[in-house]
C-alpha cells in the first residue's frame, strides 16, 4: 500500500519563470552517514538543474537517525538567473510503532553563502495503529536560499542539500529510496 504524506506545505501559487537554458549538472558529490563519500550510494536521475532535480538512494536507512548531503555543481545555464529549492520530496519505506515519530529535516544552502541556510522540517507521528508503508514525504518553504546570479559561464554555484530523518519515541525504521527537489528561478 502506498501513502502520500504532506508535511510542512507552504507553497503559494506562483507564476513560474525559468531560464532559456537550464544549467547542466557537472558533478554530484555526497557526504554523511547515509551516503558516505565515494560510496556510489546516490545516483542523479537528472542531467540538468531545471525545474527539478531527482536522485536515488541505496543506503539511506536506519532506526534512529542518518543523514545524506548532496553537493551539486552545474554550469552552462542562461546568464542572469538565480535558483532556489522550494520543495523536497522523499520516498521510501517507513515503519513506526505507536508512540513514535519520524522527523524529516532538510537544510539547503549554497557554498558561496553558507550562512544563508533554509531549514525545512516536518513530522510524521504515529499515535496508533503502527505505520508500515512506502510513503512520500513532501516539504516546502517560503524561506528560500538563493544562488548567486549566473554569469556568462551559467554557473549558479555549489548547491548543498542535507536530508536527516530522525526516529523518536518507541521504535521505528526508515529506508528512503528517492528524492526530488522542485526548484524556483528568478531574474537577477
Protein backbone atom coordinates (compact mmCIF):
# COMPACT_ATOMS: atom_id res chain seq x y z
CA UNK A 1 0.00 0.00 0.00
CA UNK A 2 1.33 3.47 -0.91
CA UNK A 3 0.67 6.54 1.19
CA UNK A 4 1.30 10.16 0.41
CA UNK A 5 2.04 12.42 3.35
CA UNK A 6 2.24 16.19 3.08
CA UNK A 7 4.48 17.78 5.68
CA UNK A 8 5.07 21.47 6.27
CA UNK A 9 3.47 22.52 3.00
CA UNK A 10 3.59 26.26 2.49
CA UNK A 11 3.90 26.67 -1.30
CA UNK A 12 1.85 29.53 -2.73
CA UNK A 13 0.63 29.57 -6.31
CA UNK A 14 3.37 31.25 -8.31
CA UNK A 15 3.88 32.50 -11.81
CA UNK A 16 6.92 30.37 -12.57
CA UNK A 17 9.79 31.52 -14.74
CA UNK A 18 12.82 29.60 -15.91
CA UNK A 19 15.98 30.36 -17.83
CA UNK A 20 16.04 29.71 -21.55
CA UNK A 21 18.81 27.17 -20.98
CA UNK A 22 18.98 25.19 -17.71
CA UNK A 23 22.44 24.59 -16.24
CA UNK A 24 23.91 21.15 -16.98
CA UNK A 25 24.79 19.13 -13.85
CA UNK A 26 28.55 18.59 -13.97
CA UNK A 27 29.29 16.99 -10.57
CA UNK A 28 27.39 15.28 -7.77
CA UNK A 29 29.35 14.73 -4.55
CA UNK A 30 27.92 13.15 -1.41
CA UNK A 31 28.73 13.05 2.29
CA UNK A 32 27.14 11.89 5.52
CA UNK A 33 26.47 8.66 7.36
CA UNK A 34 23.63 7.73 4.96
CA UNK A 35 25.72 8.29 1.83
CA UNK A 36 29.46 8.22 2.65
CA UNK A 37 31.97 9.79 0.27
CA UNK A 38 32.90 7.56 -2.66
CA UNK A 39 30.19 5.01 -1.78
CA UNK A 40 28.20 5.46 -5.01
CA UNK A 41 25.07 5.24 -2.83
CA UNK A 42 23.41 8.25 -4.52
CA UNK A 43 22.66 8.44 -8.23
CA UNK A 44 21.47 11.56 -10.03
CA UNK A 45 18.43 10.95 -12.24
CA UNK A 46 18.70 14.45 -13.75
CA UNK A 47 21.03 15.80 -16.41
CA UNK A 48 20.08 19.45 -15.85
CA UNK A 49 19.24 21.76 -12.99
CA UNK A 50 15.90 22.85 -14.48
CA UNK A 51 12.51 22.85 -12.76
CA UNK A 52 13.56 19.91 -10.60
CA UNK A 53 16.37 17.50 -9.81
CA UNK A 54 15.94 13.90 -8.67
CA UNK A 55 18.15 11.30 -7.01
CA UNK A 56 18.08 7.64 -5.97
CA UNK A 57 19.50 6.34 -2.66
CA UNK A 58 20.77 2.85 -1.89
CA UNK A 59 21.93 3.33 1.72
CA UNK A 60 19.77 5.98 3.46
CA UNK A 61 18.23 3.82 6.17
CA UNK A 62 18.27 3.42 9.92
CA UNK A 63 16.37 3.04 13.16
CA UNK A 64 17.38 6.28 14.88
CA UNK A 65 18.98 8.89 12.60
CA UNK A 66 21.08 9.17 9.46
CA UNK A 67 21.94 11.94 7.05
CA UNK A 68 22.82 12.39 3.42
CA UNK A 69 24.19 15.61 1.98
CA UNK A 70 24.28 16.12 -1.77
CA UNK A 71 26.70 18.73 -3.16
CA UNK A 72 25.69 19.65 -6.70
CA UNK A 73 27.65 21.64 -9.29
CA UNK A 74 26.31 22.83 -12.64
CA UNK A 75 27.25 25.13 -15.49
CA UNK A 76 26.11 26.28 -18.92
CA UNK A 77 22.81 27.89 -17.95
CA UNK A 78 21.45 31.19 -19.21
CA UNK A 79 23.12 34.28 -17.77
CA UNK A 80 21.28 36.47 -15.24
CA UNK A 81 19.31 33.93 -13.18
CA UNK A 82 19.16 32.74 -9.57
CA UNK A 83 17.72 29.42 -8.37
CA UNK A 84 16.44 28.10 -5.03
CA UNK A 85 14.98 24.84 -3.73
CA UNK A 86 11.28 25.42 -2.97
CA UNK A 87 10.13 21.84 -2.20
CA UNK A 88 11.70 18.49 -1.38
CA UNK A 89 10.02 15.08 -1.60
CA UNK A 90 11.39 11.80 -0.27
CA UNK A 91 10.04 8.31 -0.99
CA UNK A 92 10.77 5.14 0.91
CA UNK A 93 9.70 2.54 3.42
CA UNK A 94 8.76 3.79 6.89
CA UNK A 95 7.82 1.68 9.91
CA UNK A 96 6.69 3.46 13.10
CA UNK A 97 5.32 1.87 16.26
CA UNK A 98 2.57 3.65 18.19
CA UNK A 99 4.09 6.45 20.26
CA UNK A 100 6.87 7.14 17.73
CA UNK A 101 7.62 9.99 15.38
CA UNK A 102 9.76 10.48 12.26
CA UNK A 103 11.24 13.97 11.99
CA UNK A 104 12.25 14.94 8.45
CA UNK A 105 14.83 17.75 8.47
CA UNK A 106 16.25 19.27 5.28
CA UNK A 107 18.89 22.01 5.17
CA UNK A 108 19.53 23.87 1.91
CA UNK A 109 22.41 26.28 1.26
CA UNK A 110 24.83 27.45 -1.41
CA UNK A 111 28.56 27.12 -0.64
CA UNK A 112 29.15 30.77 -1.54
CA UNK A 113 26.55 31.84 1.07
CA UNK A 114 26.60 29.03 3.66
CA UNK A 115 25.25 31.31 6.40
CA UNK A 116 22.04 31.74 4.36
CA UNK A 117 20.56 28.31 5.11
CA UNK A 118 16.93 27.30 4.67
CA UNK A 119 15.69 24.65 7.08
CA UNK A 120 12.60 22.68 6.07
CA UNK A 121 11.10 20.40 8.73
CA UNK A 122 8.15 18.12 9.10
CA UNK A 123 6.98 15.30 11.33
CA UNK A 124 5.17 12.01 10.81
CA UNK A 125 3.61 10.97 14.11
CA UNK A 126 2.21 7.53 14.86
CA UNK A 127 -0.40 7.54 17.60
CA UNK A 128 -1.51 4.03 16.54
CA UNK A 129 -2.02 1.72 14.83
CA UNK A 130 1.54 1.07 13.64
CA UNK A 131 2.64 2.56 10.30
CA UNK A 132 4.31 0.18 7.84
CA UNK A 133 4.11 1.75 4.35
CA UNK A 134 6.01 3.02 1.36
CA UNK A 135 5.47 6.76 1.78
CA UNK A 136 6.14 10.05 0.04
CA UNK A 137 7.04 12.91 2.36
CA UNK A 138 6.79 16.40 0.82
CA UNK A 139 8.04 19.55 2.49
CA UNK A 140 8.12 23.09 1.14
CA UNK A 141 9.14 26.54 2.31
CA UNK A 142 8.85 30.24 1.55
CA UNK A 143 12.24 30.84 3.23
CA UNK A 144 14.35 30.37 0.09
CA UNK A 145 18.15 30.35 -0.09
CA UNK A 146 19.00 31.83 -3.49
CA UNK A 147 22.07 31.03 -5.57
CA UNK A 148 24.43 33.67 -6.83
CA UNK A 149 23.45 35.30 -10.11
CA UNK A 150 24.66 33.21 -13.04
CA UNK A 151 27.38 34.93 -15.04
CA UNK A 152 28.45 34.15 -18.62
CA UNK A 153 29.51 30.60 -17.57
CA UNK A 154 25.94 29.88 -16.38
CA UNK A 155 27.19 28.54 -13.02
CA UNK A 156 24.80 29.21 -10.09
CA UNK A 157 27.33 27.89 -7.54
CA UNK A 158 27.51 24.73 -5.43
CA UNK A 159 24.11 23.65 -4.08
CA UNK A 160 24.13 21.67 -0.82
CA UNK A 161 21.03 19.79 0.35
CA UNK A 162 21.27 17.79 3.58
CA UNK A 163 18.41 15.41 4.48
CA UNK A 164 18.29 13.96 8.00
CA UNK A 165 15.48 11.61 9.06
CA UNK A 166 15.24 11.06 12.83
CA UNK A 167 13.12 8.42 14.64
CA UNK A 168 12.00 9.37 18.14
CA UNK A 169 9.83 7.55 20.68
CA UNK A 170 9.11 3.83 20.96
CA UNK A 171 10.56 2.39 17.75
CA UNK A 172 10.74 2.81 14.01
CA UNK A 173 12.82 2.44 10.88
CA UNK A 174 13.22 4.25 7.54
CA UNK A 175 14.68 3.25 4.19
CA UNK A 176 14.48 6.17 1.75
CA UNK A 177 14.92 5.35 -1.95
CA UNK A 178 14.26 8.58 -3.90
CA UNK A 179 14.44 12.36 -3.58
CA UNK A 180 13.02 15.08 -5.80
CA UNK A 181 13.74 18.80 -5.45
CA UNK A 182 11.41 21.37 -7.02
CA UNK A 183 13.33 24.47 -7.98
CA UNK A 184 12.30 28.07 -8.41
CA UNK A 185 14.07 30.54 -10.70
CA UNK A 186 14.13 34.35 -10.78
CA UNK A 187 15.88 37.01 -12.85
CA UNK A 188 18.72 38.90 -11.17
